[in-house]
Structure formats: C-alpha cells, structure tokens
Amino acid sequence: MTAPRRILIADDEPLLTEILEFRLRAKGYETVIAHDGREALARFEEEPPAAVVLDAMMPVHDGMEVLRQIRASETGGDVPVIILSARRNEEDIVCALEMGASDYMVKPFLPEELLVRLKRLLDARP
C-alpha cells in the first residue's frame, strides 16, 4: 500500500481551507495547511508536497511570489501548483501560467472540479 499523497493548501480563508482539507482527506490525500505566503514556503521546504493548492492573494507573500520561489527551489520545479484566485482577467491568468502554475481556477469554484484537476495533474507525474 502506498503512502497518501501530501497536498499543501495555502489560503488565508479558514472556511475554504476547511472545505478543501475535508474533501481532499475524503479522497485519501494527506493535507498540510498554510495561512499566509511565508508559512506556505516554510511548509513546502519542510517536506515538499505532491502538489500545492495556492491562493493568489494572501498576507505576507502573495501567491505569485510563493509560486516564483517554489519554481526556483531545487525541489519545486515539477510539483503541480493550482492557483485559486478571485482575479478572473486574462492578464492575471496568463501571468500565473507563464510563471509556472500548472492550472488556474477562479473563485468561487467547484471543489469537485478542483479534485479532478488535481488528480489529473498528479496522475501525469512519473
């Protein structure tokens, strides 16, 4: 039996992190929560997760800065990162994807859709 895949959820909205944690654990994932950008980077460095669900707008470091640092790290080059954001304009979406986001979802979003997208990204990894 393989160990559960660890997902880092980085978002400053407690209700959203609770919902995502509940849904991910129900699907057999292990979860780690971060409530701001600095905490997200610390959790990532402690033990790199299988994937990251990352809010674009958080305190301390925003999601784009967290994404930049993850992609620049030795262990973060190929870790799937799904950006969640209330920003829906083309410029923000394209910028996040060009910076290395694996996917981008606009809030509000369907949690089940997020789970399907996450599974697809994880299954594509070697």
N, C-alpha and C. Protein backbone atom coordinates (compact mmCIF):
# COMPACT_ATOMS: atom_id res chain seq x y z
N MET A 1 0.84 -1.18 0.00
CA MET A 1 0.00 0.00 0.00
C MET A 1 0.89 1.24 0.00
N THR A 2 0.60 2.19 -0.88
CA THR A 2 1.42 3.39 -0.97
C THR A 2 0.94 4.44 0.04
N ALA A 3 1.87 5.29 0.42
CA ALA A 3 1.54 6.36 1.37
C ALA A 3 0.63 7.38 0.68
N PRO A 4 -0.24 8.03 1.44
CA PRO A 4 -1.11 9.05 0.82
C PRO A 4 -0.29 10.22 0.29
N ARG A 5 -0.73 10.76 -0.81
CA ARG A 5 -0.06 11.93 -1.37
C ARG A 5 -0.37 13.15 -0.51
N ARG A 6 0.66 13.93 -0.25
CA ARG A 6 0.55 15.10 0.62
C ARG A 6 0.27 16.34 -0.22
N ILE A 7 -0.80 17.06 0.14
CA ILE A 7 -1.19 18.27 -0.59
C ILE A 7 -1.08 19.47 0.35
N LEU A 8 -0.35 20.49 -0.09
CA LEU A 8 -0.25 21.73 0.66
C LEU A 8 -1.37 22.66 0.20
N ILE A 9 -2.20 23.08 1.14
CA ILE A 9 -3.28 24.03 0.87
C ILE A 9 -2.85 25.36 1.49
N ALA A 10 -2.64 26.36 0.65
CA ALA A 10 -2.20 27.67 1.13
C ALA A 10 -3.27 28.70 0.80
N ASP A 11 -4.02 29.11 1.82
CA ASP A 11 -5.10 30.07 1.64
C ASP A 11 -5.38 30.72 2.99
N ASP A 12 -5.72 32.00 2.98
CA ASP A 12 -5.97 32.71 4.24
C ASP A 12 -7.45 32.70 4.64
N GLU A 13 -8.29 32.00 3.91
CA GLU A 13 -9.71 31.89 4.25
C GLU A 13 -9.95 30.58 5.00
N PRO A 14 -10.18 30.63 6.32
CA PRO A 14 -10.34 29.41 7.11
C PRO A 14 -11.44 28.47 6.61
N LEU A 15 -12.57 29.01 6.19
CA LEU A 15 -13.65 28.16 5.71
C LEU A 15 -13.23 27.39 4.46
N LEU A 16 -12.55 28.06 3.56
CA LEU A 16 -12.10 27.41 2.33
C LEU A 16 -11.08 26.32 2.64
N THR A 17 -10.12 26.60 3.51
CA THR A 17 -9.13 25.58 3.83
C THR A 17 -9.79 24.38 4.50
N GLU A 18 -10.80 24.62 5.35
CA GLU A 18 -11.53 23.53 5.99
C GLU A 18 -12.24 22.66 4.97
N ILE A 19 -12.92 23.29 4.03
CA ILE A 19 -13.64 22.54 2.99
C ILE A 19 -12.67 21.73 2.16
N LEU A 20 -11.59 22.36 1.71
CA LEU A 20 -10.61 21.65 0.88
C LEU A 20 -9.96 20.51 1.65
N GLU A 21 -9.61 20.76 2.90
CA GLU A 21 -8.99 19.72 3.71
C GLU A 21 -9.95 18.53 3.85
N PHE A 22 -11.20 18.79 4.14
CA PHE A 22 -12.21 17.73 4.29
C PHE A 22 -12.35 16.93 2.99
N ARG A 23 -12.47 17.64 1.86
CA ARG A 23 -12.67 16.96 0.57
C ARG A 23 -11.43 16.16 0.16
N LEU A 24 -10.26 16.72 0.37
CA LEU A 24 -9.03 16.02 0.00
C LEU A 24 -8.80 14.79 0.87
N ARG A 25 -9.02 14.92 2.17
CA ARG A 25 -8.86 13.77 3.06
C ARG A 25 -9.85 12.67 2.74
N ALA A 26 -11.07 13.05 2.34
CA ALA A 26 -12.08 12.07 1.95
C ALA A 26 -11.64 11.28 0.72
N LYS A 27 -10.79 11.88 -0.11
CA LYS A 27 -10.26 11.21 -1.30
C LYS A 27 -8.94 10.48 -1.01
N GLY A 28 -8.51 10.48 0.25
CA GLY A 28 -7.31 9.73 0.62
C GLY A 28 -6.01 10.51 0.61
N TYR A 29 -6.09 11.82 0.46
CA TYR A 29 -4.88 12.63 0.49
C TYR A 29 -4.55 13.04 1.92
N GLU A 30 -3.28 13.27 2.18
CA GLU A 30 -2.84 13.89 3.42
C GLU A 30 -2.77 15.39 3.13
N THR A 31 -3.12 16.22 4.10
CA THR A 31 -3.12 17.66 3.85
C THR A 31 -2.26 18.41 4.87
N VAL A 32 -1.72 19.52 4.41
CA VAL A 32 -0.98 20.45 5.25
C VAL A 32 -1.53 21.83 4.91
N ILE A 33 -1.79 22.64 5.94
CA ILE A 33 -2.41 23.94 5.74
C ILE A 33 -1.40 25.05 6.04
N ALA A 34 -1.45 26.10 5.21
CA ALA A 34 -0.69 27.33 5.46
C ALA A 34 -1.65 28.49 5.26
N HIS A 35 -1.55 29.49 6.15
CA HIS A 35 -2.50 30.61 6.12
C HIS A 35 -1.93 31.89 5.53
N ASP A 36 -0.64 31.88 5.19
CA ASP A 36 -0.04 33.03 4.51
C ASP A 36 1.13 32.54 3.68
N GLY A 37 1.69 33.44 2.88
CA GLY A 37 2.76 33.04 1.97
C GLY A 37 4.03 32.56 2.65
N ARG A 38 4.39 33.20 3.74
CA ARG A 38 5.60 32.78 4.46
C ARG A 38 5.43 31.36 5.01
N GLU A 39 4.28 31.10 5.61
CA GLU A 39 4.00 29.77 6.15
C GLU A 39 3.95 28.73 5.02
N ALA A 40 3.40 29.10 3.88
CA ALA A 40 3.35 28.18 2.74
C ALA A 40 4.75 27.77 2.30
N LEU A 41 5.65 28.74 2.20
CA LEU A 41 7.02 28.42 1.80
C LEU A 41 7.73 27.57 2.85
N ALA A 42 7.49 27.86 4.13
CA ALA A 42 8.11 27.07 5.20
C ALA A 42 7.62 25.63 5.15
N ARG A 43 6.32 25.44 4.99
CA ARG A 43 5.75 24.08 4.91
C ARG A 43 6.29 23.33 3.69
N PHE A 44 6.41 24.08 2.58
CA PHE A 44 6.93 23.47 1.35
C PHE A 44 8.36 22.98 1.56
N GLU A 45 9.18 23.80 2.20
CA GLU A 45 10.58 23.44 2.43
C GLU A 45 10.74 22.31 3.43
N GLU A 46 9.88 22.28 4.46
CA GLU A 46 9.96 21.22 5.48
C GLU A 46 9.86 19.85 4.84
N GLU A 47 8.86 19.69 4.00
CA GLU A 47 8.64 18.41 3.32
C GLU A 47 7.85 18.70 2.05
N PRO A 48 8.54 18.76 0.91
CA PRO A 48 7.85 19.11 -0.33
C PRO A 48 6.64 18.20 -0.57
N PRO A 49 5.50 18.81 -0.85
CA PRO A 49 4.28 18.04 -1.07
C PRO A 49 4.22 17.47 -2.48
N ALA A 50 3.23 16.62 -2.72
CA ALA A 50 3.00 16.09 -4.06
C ALA A 50 2.40 17.17 -4.95
N ALA A 51 1.65 18.12 -4.35
CA ALA A 51 1.04 19.21 -5.10
C ALA A 51 0.69 20.35 -4.14
N VAL A 52 0.43 21.53 -4.73
CA VAL A 52 0.09 22.72 -3.94
C VAL A 52 -1.18 23.33 -4.52
N VAL A 53 -2.11 23.65 -3.63
CA VAL A 53 -3.29 24.44 -3.98
C VAL A 53 -3.04 25.80 -3.35
N LEU A 54 -2.87 26.83 -4.18
CA LEU A 54 -2.31 28.10 -3.74
C LEU A 54 -3.21 29.29 -4.06
N ASP A 55 -3.61 30.01 -3.02
CA ASP A 55 -4.40 31.23 -3.19
C ASP A 55 -3.49 32.32 -3.74
N ALA A 56 -3.98 33.07 -4.71
CA ALA A 56 -3.17 34.13 -5.31
C ALA A 56 -3.00 35.32 -4.39
N MET A 57 -4.00 35.60 -3.55
CA MET A 57 -3.95 36.79 -2.70
C MET A 57 -3.93 36.38 -1.22
N MET A 58 -2.73 36.42 -0.64
CA MET A 58 -2.55 36.05 0.77
C MET A 58 -1.67 37.09 1.44
N PRO A 59 -1.70 37.12 2.78
CA PRO A 59 -0.81 38.03 3.51
C PRO A 59 0.66 37.60 3.43
N VAL A 60 1.53 38.48 3.77
CA VAL A 60 2.99 38.34 3.84
C VAL A 60 3.59 38.20 2.43
N HIS A 61 3.43 37.05 1.79
CA HIS A 61 3.83 36.87 0.39
C HIS A 61 2.58 36.46 -0.36
N ASP A 62 2.32 37.10 -1.50
CA ASP A 62 1.15 36.68 -2.26
C ASP A 62 1.46 35.37 -3.00
N GLY A 63 0.44 34.80 -3.59
CA GLY A 63 0.59 33.51 -4.26
C GLY A 63 1.59 33.53 -5.40
N MET A 64 1.68 34.65 -6.10
CA MET A 64 2.61 34.72 -7.22
C MET A 64 4.06 34.67 -6.73
N GLU A 65 4.33 35.32 -5.60
CA GLU A 65 5.67 35.27 -5.02
C GLU A 65 5.97 33.86 -4.51
N VAL A 66 5.00 33.23 -3.89
CA VAL A 66 5.17 31.85 -3.41
C VAL A 66 5.45 30.94 -4.61
N LEU A 67 4.68 31.08 -5.68
CA LEU A 67 4.89 30.28 -6.89
C LEU A 67 6.29 30.50 -7.44
N ARG A 68 6.71 31.75 -7.51
CA ARG A 68 8.06 32.06 -8.03
C ARG A 68 9.13 31.35 -7.22
N GLN A 69 9.00 31.40 -5.88
CA GLN A 69 10.00 30.78 -5.02
C GLN A 69 9.94 29.25 -5.09
N ILE A 70 8.76 28.70 -5.22
CA ILE A 70 8.64 27.24 -5.37
C ILE A 70 9.33 26.80 -6.66
N ARG A 71 9.05 27.50 -7.75
CA ARG A 71 9.65 27.13 -9.04
C ARG A 71 11.16 27.33 -9.04
N ALA A 72 11.67 28.25 -8.25
CA ALA A 72 13.11 28.50 -8.19
C ALA A 72 13.84 27.52 -7.26
N SER A 73 13.08 26.80 -6.43
CA SER A 73 13.71 25.90 -5.47
C SER A 73 14.16 24.60 -6.15
N GLU A 74 15.06 23.90 -5.48
CA GLU A 74 15.58 22.64 -6.03
C GLU A 74 14.50 21.57 -6.13
N THR A 75 13.54 21.58 -5.21
CA THR A 75 12.54 20.52 -5.16
C THR A 75 11.19 20.91 -5.77
N GLY A 76 11.04 22.16 -6.20
CA GLY A 76 9.72 22.63 -6.63
C GLY A 76 9.51 22.76 -8.12
N GLY A 77 10.48 22.40 -8.90
CA GLY A 77 10.37 22.60 -10.33
C GLY A 77 9.22 21.88 -11.00
N ASP A 78 8.91 20.67 -10.55
CA ASP A 78 7.87 19.90 -11.22
C ASP A 78 6.66 19.59 -10.34
N VAL A 79 6.58 20.20 -9.16
CA VAL A 79 5.44 19.97 -8.28
C VAL A 79 4.23 20.71 -8.86
N PRO A 80 3.12 20.01 -9.10
CA PRO A 80 1.93 20.69 -9.61
C PRO A 80 1.43 21.77 -8.64
N VAL A 81 1.15 22.95 -9.18
CA VAL A 81 0.62 24.06 -8.39
C VAL A 81 -0.64 24.57 -9.08
N ILE A 82 -1.76 24.49 -8.35
CA ILE A 82 -3.02 25.04 -8.85
C ILE A 82 -3.27 26.36 -8.13
N ILE A 83 -3.39 27.42 -8.91
CA ILE A 83 -3.67 28.74 -8.36
C ILE A 83 -5.18 28.91 -8.23
N LEU A 84 -5.61 29.40 -7.06
CA LEU A 84 -7.01 29.78 -6.85
C LEU A 84 -7.03 31.29 -6.70
N SER A 85 -7.92 31.96 -7.43
CA SER A 85 -7.94 33.42 -7.35
C SER A 85 -9.31 33.98 -7.69
N ALA A 86 -9.64 35.08 -7.05
CA ALA A 86 -10.85 35.82 -7.41
C ALA A 86 -10.60 36.65 -8.66
N ARG A 87 -9.34 36.80 -9.01
CA ARG A 87 -8.99 37.57 -10.21
C ARG A 87 -9.26 36.72 -11.44
N ARG A 88 -10.12 37.24 -12.31
CA ARG A 88 -10.51 36.46 -13.46
C ARG A 88 -10.09 37.09 -14.78
N ASN A 89 -9.31 38.17 -14.73
CA ASN A 89 -8.95 38.78 -16.01
C ASN A 89 -7.81 38.01 -16.68
N GLU A 90 -7.77 38.11 -17.99
CA GLU A 90 -6.84 37.35 -18.80
C GLU A 90 -5.39 37.58 -18.40
N GLU A 91 -5.04 38.82 -18.09
CA GLU A 91 -3.67 39.16 -17.74
C GLU A 91 -3.19 38.38 -16.51
N ASP A 92 -4.03 38.29 -15.48
CA ASP A 92 -3.66 37.57 -14.26
C ASP A 92 -3.50 36.08 -14.53
N ILE A 93 -4.42 35.51 -15.29
CA ILE A 93 -4.38 34.07 -15.59
C ILE A 93 -3.14 33.74 -16.41
N VAL A 94 -2.90 34.50 -17.46
CA VAL A 94 -1.74 34.26 -18.32
C VAL A 94 -0.44 34.43 -17.54
N CYS A 95 -0.37 35.46 -16.70
CA CYS A 95 0.83 35.70 -15.89
C CYS A 95 1.13 34.51 -14.99
N ALA A 96 0.10 34.00 -14.30
CA ALA A 96 0.30 32.86 -13.41
C ALA A 96 0.77 31.62 -14.19
N LEU A 97 0.17 31.38 -15.34
CA LEU A 97 0.57 30.21 -16.14
C LEU A 97 1.99 30.37 -16.67
N GLU A 98 2.34 31.58 -17.09
CA GLU A 98 3.71 31.83 -17.58
C GLU A 98 4.73 31.68 -16.46
N MET A 99 4.32 31.99 -15.22
CA MET A 99 5.24 31.84 -14.08
C MET A 99 5.41 30.39 -13.66
N GLY A 100 4.62 29.50 -14.23
CA GLY A 100 4.79 28.09 -13.92
C GLY A 100 3.64 27.42 -13.21
N ALA A 101 2.51 28.12 -13.05
CA ALA A 101 1.35 27.46 -12.46
C ALA A 101 0.92 26.32 -13.37
N SER A 102 0.53 25.21 -12.77
CA SER A 102 0.07 24.06 -13.55
C SER A 102 -1.37 24.24 -14.01
N ASP A 103 -2.13 24.98 -13.23
CA ASP A 103 -3.53 25.23 -13.54
C ASP A 103 -3.96 26.49 -12.79
N TYR A 104 -5.11 27.05 -13.18
CA TYR A 104 -5.63 28.28 -12.58
C TYR A 104 -7.13 28.14 -12.50
N MET A 105 -7.68 28.34 -11.30
CA MET A 105 -9.12 28.27 -11.12
C MET A 105 -9.61 29.57 -10.48
N VAL A 106 -10.72 30.08 -10.99
CA VAL A 106 -11.29 31.32 -10.50
C VAL A 106 -12.28 31.02 -9.38
N LYS A 107 -12.15 31.79 -8.27
CA LYS A 107 -13.10 31.68 -7.16
C LYS A 107 -14.36 32.46 -7.51
N PRO A 108 -15.53 32.02 -7.13
CA PRO A 108 -15.79 30.72 -6.49
C PRO A 108 -15.63 29.60 -7.51
N PHE A 109 -15.25 28.43 -7.01
CA PHE A 109 -15.01 27.29 -7.88
C PHE A 109 -15.75 26.08 -7.30
N LEU A 110 -15.84 25.03 -8.09
CA LEU A 110 -16.47 23.79 -7.65
C LEU A 110 -15.39 22.89 -7.04
N PRO A 111 -15.51 22.55 -5.76
CA PRO A 111 -14.48 21.70 -5.14
C PRO A 111 -14.25 20.39 -5.89
N GLU A 112 -15.30 19.79 -6.41
CA GLU A 112 -15.13 18.53 -7.14
C GLU A 112 -14.30 18.72 -8.40
N GLU A 113 -14.48 19.87 -9.06
CA GLU A 113 -13.67 20.17 -10.24
C GLU A 113 -12.19 20.31 -9.85
N LEU A 114 -11.93 20.96 -8.74
CA LEU A 114 -10.56 21.08 -8.26
C LEU A 114 -9.96 19.70 -8.01
N LEU A 115 -10.71 18.82 -7.39
CA LEU A 115 -10.22 17.47 -7.11
C LEU A 115 -9.89 16.71 -8.40
N VAL A 116 -10.72 16.86 -9.41
CA VAL A 116 -10.47 16.19 -10.69
C VAL A 116 -9.22 16.75 -11.36
N ARG A 117 -9.10 18.07 -11.35
CA ARG A 117 -7.91 18.69 -11.95
C ARG A 117 -6.64 18.29 -11.21
N LEU A 118 -6.71 18.26 -9.89
CA LEU A 118 -5.56 17.86 -9.08
C LEU A 118 -5.16 16.41 -9.37
N LYS A 119 -6.13 15.53 -9.41
CA LYS A 119 -5.85 14.11 -9.69
C LYS A 119 -5.21 13.95 -11.07
N ARG A 120 -5.73 14.69 -12.05
CA ARG A 120 -5.17 14.63 -13.41
C ARG A 120 -3.69 15.06 -13.40
N LEU A 121 -3.39 16.13 -12.70
CA LEU A 121 -2.01 16.61 -12.63
C LEU A 121 -1.11 15.60 -11.93
N LEU A 122 -1.60 15.04 -10.83
CA LEU A 122 -0.79 14.06 -10.08
C LEU A 122 -0.59 12.77 -10.88
N ASP A 123 -1.62 12.33 -11.57
CA ASP A 123 -1.51 11.09 -12.36
C ASP A 123 -0.56 11.25 -13.54
N ALA A 124 -0.37 12.47 -14.00
CA ALA A 124 0.53 12.73 -15.12
C ALA A 124 2.00 12.71 -14.72
N ARG A 125 2.25 12.77 -13.44
CA ARG A 125 3.64 12.77 -12.94
C ARG A 125 4.20 11.36 -12.95
N PRO A 126 5.50 11.23 -13.19
CA PRO A 126 6.11 9.89 -13.17
C PRO A 126 6.17 9.30 -11.77
